[in-house]
Amino acid sequence: MTSTSLFCDICGKPEAEAAHRVCQARRAIDPPRFCPQCARRMIVQVSPAGWSAKCSVHGSTEGGQGGRL
């Protein structure tokens, strides 16, 4: 998550609401599921080369194999 994130990209809950310890662990291996700016569920596609996630409002993000960009 970046410093401008309002919502957790794994669970979709507000950043200030919880510690998100489980989310931090999942973030190392899972692509984001929720948009960190609006908490909308994103369309996620996983391939052997990495992943891409698209928010209908805020656009796309991509990540390589074994980590996030």
C-alpha atoms as a PDB file:
ATOM      1  CA  MET A   1       0.000   0.000   0.000  1.00  0.00           C
ATOM      2  CA  THR A   2       1.118   3.504  -0.629  1.00  0.00           C
ATOM      3  CA  SER A   3       0.828   6.459   1.695  1.00  0.00           C
ATOM      4  CA  THR A   4      -2.148   7.719  -0.355  1.00  0.00           C
ATOM      5  CA  SER A   5      -4.148   4.537   0.192  1.00  0.00           C
ATOM      6  CA  LEU A   6      -7.471   5.080   1.895  1.00  0.00           C
ATOM      7  CA  PHE A   7      -8.471   1.402   1.852  1.00  0.00           C
ATOM      8  CA  CYS A   8      -6.665  -1.914   2.183  1.00  0.00           C
ATOM      9  CA  ASP A   9      -6.111  -3.487  -1.240  1.00  0.00           C
ATOM     10  CA  ILE A  10      -6.528  -6.991   0.195  1.00  0.00           C
ATOM     11  CA  CYS A  11      -9.657  -6.776   2.405  1.00  0.00           C
ATOM     12  CA  GLY A  12     -11.173  -3.473   1.233  1.00  0.00           C
ATOM     13  CA  LYS A  13     -11.627  -2.052   4.731  1.00  0.00           C
ATOM     14  CA  PRO A  14     -10.481   1.481   5.636  1.00  0.00           C
ATOM     15  CA  GLU A  15      -6.755   1.735   6.431  1.00  0.00           C
ATOM     16  CA  ALA A  16      -7.404   3.358   9.810  1.00  0.00           C
ATOM     17  CA  GLU A  17      -9.916   0.702  10.891  1.00  0.00           C
ATOM     18  CA  ALA A  18      -7.550  -2.175  11.676  1.00  0.00           C
ATOM     19  CA  ALA A  19      -3.910  -3.264  11.857  1.00  0.00           C
ATOM     20  CA  HIS A  20      -4.228  -5.427   8.713  1.00  0.00           C
ATOM     21  CA  ARG A  21      -1.548  -7.902   9.875  1.00  0.00           C
ATOM     22  CA  VAL A  22      -3.091 -10.762   7.913  1.00  0.00           C
ATOM     23  CA  CYS A  23      -3.399  -8.508   4.869  1.00  0.00           C
ATOM     24  CA  GLN A  24       0.294  -7.598   5.077  1.00  0.00           C
ATOM     25  CA  ALA A  25       1.228 -11.279   5.013  1.00  0.00           C
ATOM     26  CA  ARG A  26      -1.105 -12.003   2.085  1.00  0.00           C
ATOM     27  CA  ARG A  27       0.198  -8.980   0.174  1.00  0.00           C
ATOM     28  CA  ALA A  28       3.570 -10.710  -0.281  1.00  0.00           C
ATOM     29  CA  ILE A  29       2.021 -13.472  -2.408  1.00  0.00           C
ATOM     30  CA  ASP A  30      -1.445 -12.321  -3.543  1.00  0.00           C
ATOM     31  CA  PRO A  31      -2.423  -9.620  -6.029  1.00  0.00           C
ATOM     32  CA  PRO A  32      -4.619  -6.760  -4.787  1.00  0.00           C
ATOM     33  CA  ARG A  33      -8.366  -7.471  -4.731  1.00  0.00           C
ATOM     34  CA  PHE A  34      -9.755  -4.018  -3.879  1.00  0.00           C
ATOM     35  CA  CYS A  35      -8.901  -0.549  -5.190  1.00  0.00           C
ATOM     36  CA  PRO A  36      -6.902   1.292  -2.498  1.00  0.00           C
ATOM     37  CA  GLN A  37      -8.520   4.608  -3.500  1.00  0.00           C
ATOM     38  CA  CYS A  38     -12.232   3.674  -3.581  1.00  0.00           C
ATOM     39  CA  ALA A  39     -12.495   0.087  -2.178  1.00  0.00           C
ATOM     40  CA  ARG A  40     -14.249  -1.203  -5.315  1.00  0.00           C
ATOM     41  CA  ARG A  41     -13.620  -4.855  -6.107  1.00  0.00           C
ATOM     42  CA  MET A  42     -11.076  -5.030  -8.937  1.00  0.00           C
ATOM     43  CA  ILE A  43     -10.950  -7.387 -11.907  1.00  0.00           C
ATOM     44  CA  VAL A  44      -7.785  -9.436 -11.320  1.00  0.00           C
ATOM     45  CA  GLN A  45      -6.029 -11.625 -13.875  1.00  0.00           C
ATOM     46  CA  VAL A  46      -3.144 -13.870 -12.849  1.00  0.00           C
ATOM     47  CA  SER A  47      -0.698 -15.356 -15.363  1.00  0.00           C
ATOM     48  CA  PRO A  48       2.633 -17.196 -15.064  1.00  0.00           C
ATOM     49  CA  ALA A  49       4.415 -13.886 -15.747  1.00  0.00           C
ATOM     50  CA  GLY A  50       2.589 -11.883 -13.048  1.00  0.00           C
ATOM     51  CA  TRP A  51      -0.803 -10.267 -12.505  1.00  0.00           C
ATOM     52  CA  SER A  52      -2.921  -7.295 -13.498  1.00  0.00           C
ATOM     53  CA  ALA A  53      -5.745  -5.651 -11.578  1.00  0.00           C
ATOM     54  CA  LYS A  54      -8.241  -3.135 -12.938  1.00  0.00           C
ATOM     55  CA  CYS A  55     -10.538  -0.744 -11.079  1.00  0.00           C
ATOM     56  CA  SER A  56     -13.481   0.472 -13.160  1.00  0.00           C
ATOM     57  CA  VAL A  57     -12.816   4.032 -11.944  1.00  0.00           C
ATOM     58  CA  HIS A  58      -9.063   4.322 -11.258  1.00  0.00           C
ATOM     59  CA  GLY A  59      -7.556   2.117 -13.966  1.00  0.00           C
ATOM     60  CA  SER A  60      -5.028  -0.704 -13.997  1.00  0.00           C
ATOM     61  CA  THR A  61      -1.956  -1.801 -12.082  1.00  0.00           C
ATOM     62  CA  GLU A  62       0.392  -4.721 -12.749  1.00  0.00           C
ATOM     63  CA  GLY A  63       2.828  -6.817 -10.774  1.00  0.00           C
ATOM     64  CA  GLY A  64       5.591  -9.198 -11.693  1.00  0.00           C
ATOM     65  CA  GLN A  65       6.179 -12.729 -10.562  1.00  0.00           C
ATOM     66  CA  GLY A  66       7.118 -12.979  -6.907  1.00  0.00           C
ATOM     67  CA  GLY A  67       6.227  -9.483  -5.855  1.00  0.00           C
ATOM     68  CA  ARG A  68       4.483  -6.183  -6.376  1.00  0.00           C
ATOM     69  CA  LEU A  69       5.436  -3.143  -8.367  1.00  0.00           C
END
